[in-house]
Amino acid sequence: MKNKFTSLLLLFLLTSSCQSVKVAVDYDKSVSFETYKTYGFLKKGIDRAQINDLDKRRILRSIEKTLLEKGFAKSDNPDVIVNFFTKENQEINIFNNSFGNFGYGMGWGWGFYNGARTTVTNSTKGVLYIDLIDNKTKQLFWQGIGKGYLTTDVEQKDKVIDDFVSSILAKYPPKI
């Protein structure tokens, strides 16, 4: 029973930690963020992102949706150029749930009992960088970085990508 409880607790911790996106941002403190009203994408930069075209389109849609919600408008001559790139790492997690007992019993003998149970899981951790570049100066003025677990489940990909993008862009504009 104790082993079953430990396994359920471990499963809960793994699944709850997989749902969060850790975000960090960096920005130029001398920039007036309220002057930026329009955006466009850096096609050359996005084309270099090393993910499949389906996921690129998912990220682009999510960035567009979030920027529109923030009051931006898409433009052919934008104030802000948006770029993104990704990184991916495979993680192998080994959990050794071993326990041992030493004892003596009548008719059973004595000795060490090792009830070791090892669990191995494989997960993919992704990093999404979203860069905002001033179109006039061609200088990066804001960067958001989101780190979290990815999924291969097609039904969940849109939600995971939306979580990444909305978590990152929730930090824009910075609270100065």
C-alpha atoms as a PDB file:
ATOM      1  CA  MET A   1       0.000   0.000   0.000  1.00  0.00           C
ATOM      2  CA  LYS A   2       2.816   2.381   0.917  1.00  0.00           C
ATOM      3  CA  ASN A   3       4.549   1.672  -2.400  1.00  0.00           C
ATOM      4  CA  LYS A   4       1.320   2.337  -4.321  1.00  0.00           C
ATOM      5  CA  PHE A   5       0.873   5.653  -2.501  1.00  0.00           C
ATOM      6  CA  THR A   6       4.475   6.642  -3.280  1.00  0.00           C
ATOM      7  CA  SER A   7       3.957   5.828  -6.957  1.00  0.00           C
ATOM      8  CA  LEU A   8       0.747   7.889  -7.118  1.00  0.00           C
ATOM      9  CA  LEU A   9       2.427  10.819  -5.374  1.00  0.00           C
ATOM     10  CA  LEU A  10       5.349  10.646  -7.799  1.00  0.00           C
ATOM     11  CA  LEU A  11       2.977  10.520 -10.776  1.00  0.00           C
ATOM     12  CA  PHE A  12       1.077  13.555  -9.439  1.00  0.00           C
ATOM     13  CA  LEU A  13       4.286  15.539  -8.932  1.00  0.00           C
ATOM     14  CA  LEU A  14       5.501  14.684 -12.431  1.00  0.00           C
ATOM     15  CA  THR A  15       2.256  15.628 -14.155  1.00  0.00           C
ATOM     16  CA  SER A  16       1.766  18.817 -12.158  1.00  0.00           C
ATOM     17  CA  SER A  17       5.342  19.948 -12.809  1.00  0.00           C
ATOM     18  CA  CYS A  18       4.928  19.217 -16.516  1.00  0.00           C
ATOM     19  CA  GLN A  19       2.155  21.758 -16.854  1.00  0.00           C
ATOM     20  CA  SER A  20       4.030  24.849 -15.764  1.00  0.00           C
ATOM     21  CA  VAL A  21       6.180  27.086 -17.922  1.00  0.00           C
ATOM     22  CA  LYS A  22       9.064  28.847 -16.225  1.00  0.00           C
ATOM     23  CA  VAL A  23       9.529  32.313 -17.688  1.00  0.00           C
ATOM     24  CA  ALA A  24      12.406  34.763 -17.650  1.00  0.00           C
ATOM     25  CA  VAL A  25      12.560  38.114 -19.431  1.00  0.00           C
ATOM     26  CA  ASP A  26      15.215  40.643 -20.250  1.00  0.00           C
ATOM     27  CA  TYR A  27      14.681  44.118 -21.663  1.00  0.00           C
ATOM     28  CA  ASP A  28      16.228  47.488 -22.381  1.00  0.00           C
ATOM     29  CA  LYS A  29      15.221  49.794 -19.516  1.00  0.00           C
ATOM     30  CA  SER A  30      15.632  52.904 -21.652  1.00  0.00           C
ATOM     31  CA  VAL A  31      12.843  51.905 -24.076  1.00  0.00           C
ATOM     32  CA  SER A  32       9.387  53.500 -24.014  1.00  0.00           C
ATOM     33  CA  PHE A  33       7.240  50.405 -24.490  1.00  0.00           C
ATOM     34  CA  GLU A  34       4.024  52.371 -24.996  1.00  0.00           C
ATOM     35  CA  THR A  35       5.321  53.676 -28.357  1.00  0.00           C
ATOM     36  CA  TYR A  36       5.067  50.210 -29.916  1.00  0.00           C
ATOM     37  CA  LYS A  37       1.670  49.611 -31.530  1.00  0.00           C
ATOM     38  CA  THR A  38       2.247  47.430 -34.629  1.00  0.00           C
ATOM     39  CA  TYR A  39       4.113  44.200 -35.284  1.00  0.00           C
ATOM     40  CA  GLY A  40       5.371  41.965 -38.063  1.00  0.00           C
ATOM     41  CA  PHE A  41       7.359  38.731 -38.149  1.00  0.00           C
ATOM     42  CA  LEU A  42      11.010  38.208 -39.082  1.00  0.00           C
ATOM     43  CA  LYS A  43      10.466  35.522 -41.717  1.00  0.00           C
ATOM     44  CA  LYS A  44      14.162  34.792 -42.240  1.00  0.00           C
ATOM     45  CA  GLY A  45      14.660  34.205 -38.497  1.00  0.00           C
ATOM     46  CA  ILE A  46      11.538  32.089 -38.074  1.00  0.00           C
ATOM     47  CA  ASP A  47      12.468  29.956 -41.092  1.00  0.00           C
ATOM     48  CA  ARG A  48      15.683  29.011 -39.255  1.00  0.00           C
ATOM     49  CA  ALA A  49      13.819  27.700 -36.206  1.00  0.00           C
ATOM     50  CA  GLN A  50      14.567  23.996 -35.986  1.00  0.00           C
ATOM     51  CA  ILE A  51      11.039  22.695 -35.541  1.00  0.00           C
ATOM     52  CA  ASN A  52       8.505  21.362 -37.992  1.00  0.00           C
ATOM     53  CA  ASP A  53       6.300  23.718 -39.985  1.00  0.00           C
ATOM     54  CA  LEU A  54       3.157  22.633 -38.127  1.00  0.00           C
ATOM     55  CA  ASP A  55       4.601  23.729 -34.789  1.00  0.00           C
ATOM     56  CA  LYS A  56       5.943  26.956 -36.336  1.00  0.00           C
ATOM     57  CA  ARG A  57       2.428  27.824 -37.481  1.00  0.00           C
ATOM     58  CA  ARG A  58       1.056  26.970 -34.030  1.00  0.00           C
ATOM     59  CA  ILE A  59       3.559  29.333 -32.409  1.00  0.00           C
ATOM     60  CA  LEU A  60       2.883  32.099 -34.952  1.00  0.00           C
ATOM     61  CA  ARG A  61      -0.896  31.837 -34.429  1.00  0.00           C
ATOM     62  CA  SER A  62      -0.470  31.938 -30.676  1.00  0.00           C
ATOM     63  CA  ILE A  63       1.870  34.959 -30.789  1.00  0.00           C
ATOM     64  CA  GLU A  64      -0.543  36.778 -33.132  1.00  0.00           C
ATOM     65  CA  LYS A  65      -3.522  36.041 -30.906  1.00  0.00           C
ATOM     66  CA  THR A  66      -1.714  37.233 -27.791  1.00  0.00           C
ATOM     67  CA  LEU A  67      -0.347  40.408 -29.405  1.00  0.00           C
ATOM     68  CA  LEU A  68      -3.796  41.294 -30.778  1.00  0.00           C
ATOM     69  CA  GLU A  69      -5.221  40.840 -27.262  1.00  0.00           C
ATOM     70  CA  LYS A  70      -2.557  43.279 -26.026  1.00  0.00           C
ATOM     71  CA  GLY A  71      -3.724  45.909 -28.518  1.00  0.00           C
ATOM     72  CA  PHE A  72      -1.128  45.469 -31.254  1.00  0.00           C
ATOM     73  CA  ALA A  73      -2.044  45.540 -34.940  1.00  0.00           C
ATOM     74  CA  LYS A  74      -0.293  43.583 -37.682  1.00  0.00           C
ATOM     75  CA  SER A  75       1.450  45.814 -40.228  1.00  0.00           C
ATOM     76  CA  ASP A  76       3.634  45.672 -43.345  1.00  0.00           C
ATOM     77  CA  ASN A  77       5.703  48.502 -41.841  1.00  0.00           C
ATOM     78  CA  PRO A  78       5.654  47.552 -38.141  1.00  0.00           C
ATOM     79  CA  ASP A  79       7.132  49.210 -35.060  1.00  0.00           C
ATOM     80  CA  VAL A  80       8.152  45.802 -33.714  1.00  0.00           C
ATOM     81  CA  ILE A  81       9.682  42.839 -35.510  1.00  0.00           C
ATOM     82  CA  VAL A  82       8.888  39.539 -33.786  1.00  0.00           C
ATOM     83  CA  ASN A  83      11.257  36.594 -33.993  1.00  0.00           C
ATOM     84  CA  PHE A  84      11.323  33.295 -32.148  1.00  0.00           C
ATOM     85  CA  PHE A  85      13.535  30.259 -31.879  1.00  0.00           C
ATOM     86  CA  THR A  86      13.447  27.042 -29.942  1.00  0.00           C
ATOM     87  CA  LYS A  87      15.658  24.514 -28.209  1.00  0.00           C
ATOM     88  CA  GLU A  88      14.776  21.008 -27.141  1.00  0.00           C
ATOM     89  CA  ASN A  89      16.361  18.600 -24.636  1.00  0.00           C
ATOM     90  CA  GLN A  90      15.552  14.983 -23.935  1.00  0.00           C
ATOM     91  CA  GLU A  91      15.471  14.089 -20.251  1.00  0.00           C
ATOM     92  CA  ILE A  92      15.728  10.581 -18.890  1.00  0.00           C
ATOM     93  CA  ASN A  93      14.493  10.317 -15.315  1.00  0.00           C
ATOM     94  CA  ILE A  94      15.388   7.275 -13.233  1.00  0.00           C
ATOM     95  CA  PHE A  95      13.520   6.775  -9.976  1.00  0.00           C
ATOM     96  CA  ASN A  96      14.841   4.083  -7.660  1.00  0.00           C
ATOM     97  CA  ASN A  97      12.086   3.193  -5.231  1.00  0.00           C
ATOM     98  CA  SER A  98      14.128   0.602  -3.380  1.00  0.00           C
ATOM     99  CA  PHE A  99      13.455  -0.523   0.102  1.00  0.00           C
ATOM    100  CA  GLY A 100      15.045  -3.249   2.150  1.00  0.00           C
ATOM    101  CA  ASN A 101      14.276  -5.176   5.313  1.00  0.00           C
ATOM    102  CA  PHE A 102      16.306  -7.410   7.517  1.00  0.00           C
ATOM    103  CA  GLY A 103      14.499  -9.847   9.717  1.00  0.00           C
ATOM    104  CA  TYR A 104      14.049 -13.315  11.111  1.00  0.00           C
ATOM    105  CA  GLY A 105      10.934 -15.425  11.212  1.00  0.00           C
ATOM    106  CA  MET A 106      10.085 -18.959  12.241  1.00  0.00           C
ATOM    107  CA  GLY A 107      10.213 -21.311   9.314  1.00  0.00           C
ATOM    108  CA  TRP A 108      11.182 -18.570   6.948  1.00  0.00           C
ATOM    109  CA  GLY A 109      14.820 -18.070   7.786  1.00  0.00           C
ATOM    110  CA  TRP A 110      16.556 -14.767   7.961  1.00  0.00           C
ATOM    111  CA  GLY A 111      18.254 -12.446   5.568  1.00  0.00           C
ATOM    112  CA  PHE A 112      18.016  -9.244   3.636  1.00  0.00           C
ATOM    113  CA  TYR A 113      14.981  -8.628   1.434  1.00  0.00           C
ATOM    114  CA  ASN A 114      15.355  -6.046  -1.275  1.00  0.00           C
ATOM    115  CA  GLY A 115      12.138  -4.994  -2.955  1.00  0.00           C
ATOM    116  CA  ALA A 116      13.739  -2.651  -5.469  1.00  0.00           C
ATOM    117  CA  ARG A 117      11.586  -1.082  -8.112  1.00  0.00           C
ATOM    118  CA  THR A 118      13.135   1.228 -10.671  1.00  0.00           C
ATOM    119  CA  THR A 119      11.060   3.454 -12.905  1.00  0.00           C
ATOM    120  CA  VAL A 120      12.496   5.098 -16.012  1.00  0.00           C
ATOM    121  CA  THR A 121      10.681   7.897 -17.823  1.00  0.00           C
ATOM    122  CA  ASN A 122      11.600   9.920 -20.868  1.00  0.00           C
ATOM    123  CA  SER A 123      10.424  13.488 -21.349  1.00  0.00           C
ATOM    124  CA  THR A 124      11.181  16.370 -23.665  1.00  0.00           C
ATOM    125  CA  LYS A 125      11.907  19.778 -22.217  1.00  0.00           C
ATOM    126  CA  GLY A 126      11.604  22.714 -24.564  1.00  0.00           C
ATOM    127  CA  VAL A 127      12.722  26.318 -24.532  1.00  0.00           C
ATOM    128  CA  LEU A 128      10.932  29.010 -26.534  1.00  0.00           C
ATOM    129  CA  TYR A 129      12.605  32.383 -27.049  1.00  0.00           C
ATOM    130  CA  ILE A 130      10.478  35.297 -28.247  1.00  0.00           C
ATOM    131  CA  ASP A 131      12.457  38.350 -29.385  1.00  0.00           C
ATOM    132  CA  LEU A 132      10.993  41.809 -29.950  1.00  0.00           C
ATOM    133  CA  ILE A 133      13.153  44.014 -32.161  1.00  0.00           C
ATOM    134  CA  ASP A 134      12.726  47.732 -32.805  1.00  0.00           C
ATOM    135  CA  ASN A 135      12.173  48.042 -36.571  1.00  0.00           C
ATOM    136  CA  LYS A 136      13.826  51.486 -36.825  1.00  0.00           C
ATOM    137  CA  THR A 137      16.992  50.750 -34.857  1.00  0.00           C
ATOM    138  CA  LYS A 138      17.086  46.989 -35.594  1.00  0.00           C
ATOM    139  CA  GLN A 139      17.946  46.470 -31.917  1.00  0.00           C
ATOM    140  CA  LEU A 140      16.565  43.787 -29.621  1.00  0.00           C
ATOM    141  CA  PHE A 141      14.651  45.575 -26.860  1.00  0.00           C
ATOM    142  CA  TRP A 142      12.775  42.698 -25.157  1.00  0.00           C
ATOM    143  CA  GLN A 143      13.291  38.943 -24.916  1.00  0.00           C
ATOM    144  CA  GLY A 144      11.087  36.407 -23.192  1.00  0.00           C
ATOM    145  CA  ILE A 145      12.193  32.841 -22.511  1.00  0.00           C
ATOM    146  CA  GLY A 146       9.843  30.028 -21.543  1.00  0.00           C
ATOM    147  CA  LYS A 147      11.002  26.604 -20.357  1.00  0.00           C
ATOM    148  CA  GLY A 148       8.729  23.639 -19.852  1.00  0.00           C
ATOM    149  CA  TYR A 149       7.769  20.148 -20.915  1.00  0.00           C
ATOM    150  CA  LEU A 150       6.544  19.392 -24.417  1.00  0.00           C
ATOM    151  CA  THR A 151       4.110  16.796 -25.667  1.00  0.00           C
ATOM    152  CA  THR A 152       3.906  14.614 -28.745  1.00  0.00           C
ATOM    153  CA  ASP A 153       0.131  14.296 -28.325  1.00  0.00           C
ATOM    154  CA  VAL A 154      -1.377  16.147 -31.292  1.00  0.00           C
ATOM    155  CA  GLU A 155      -4.544  16.886 -29.308  1.00  0.00           C
ATOM    156  CA  GLN A 156      -2.497  18.688 -26.613  1.00  0.00           C
ATOM    157  CA  LYS A 157       0.061  20.553 -28.765  1.00  0.00           C
ATOM    158  CA  ASP A 158      -2.071  23.674 -29.316  1.00  0.00           C
ATOM    159  CA  LYS A 159      -2.706  24.008 -25.579  1.00  0.00           C
ATOM    160  CA  VAL A 160       0.944  23.469 -24.635  1.00  0.00           C
ATOM    161  CA  ILE A 161       2.147  26.014 -27.202  1.00  0.00           C
ATOM    162  CA  ASP A 162      -0.540  28.522 -26.126  1.00  0.00           C
ATOM    163  CA  ASP A 163       0.602  28.049 -22.509  1.00  0.00           C
ATOM    164  CA  PHE A 164       4.224  28.731 -23.496  1.00  0.00           C
ATOM    165  CA  VAL A 165       3.420  31.842 -25.559  1.00  0.00           C
ATOM    166  CA  SER A 166       0.844  33.349 -23.193  1.00  0.00           C
ATOM    167  CA  SER A 167       3.098  32.757 -20.169  1.00  0.00           C
ATOM    168  CA  ILE A 168       6.005  34.489 -21.896  1.00  0.00           C
ATOM    169  CA  LEU A 169       4.058  37.429 -23.328  1.00  0.00           C
ATOM    170  CA  ALA A 170       2.233  37.954 -20.025  1.00  0.00           C
ATOM    171  CA  LYS A 171       5.512  39.588 -18.943  1.00  0.00           C
ATOM    172  CA  TYR A 172       5.247  42.179 -21.749  1.00  0.00           C
ATOM    173  CA  PRO A 173       5.372  45.083 -21.290  1.00  0.00           C
ATOM    174  CA  PRO A 174       7.554  44.892 -18.206  1.00  0.00           C
ATOM    175  CA  LYS A 175       6.361  46.530 -15.020  1.00  0.00           C
ATOM    176  CA  ILE A 176       8.898  49.316 -14.643  1.00  0.00           C
END
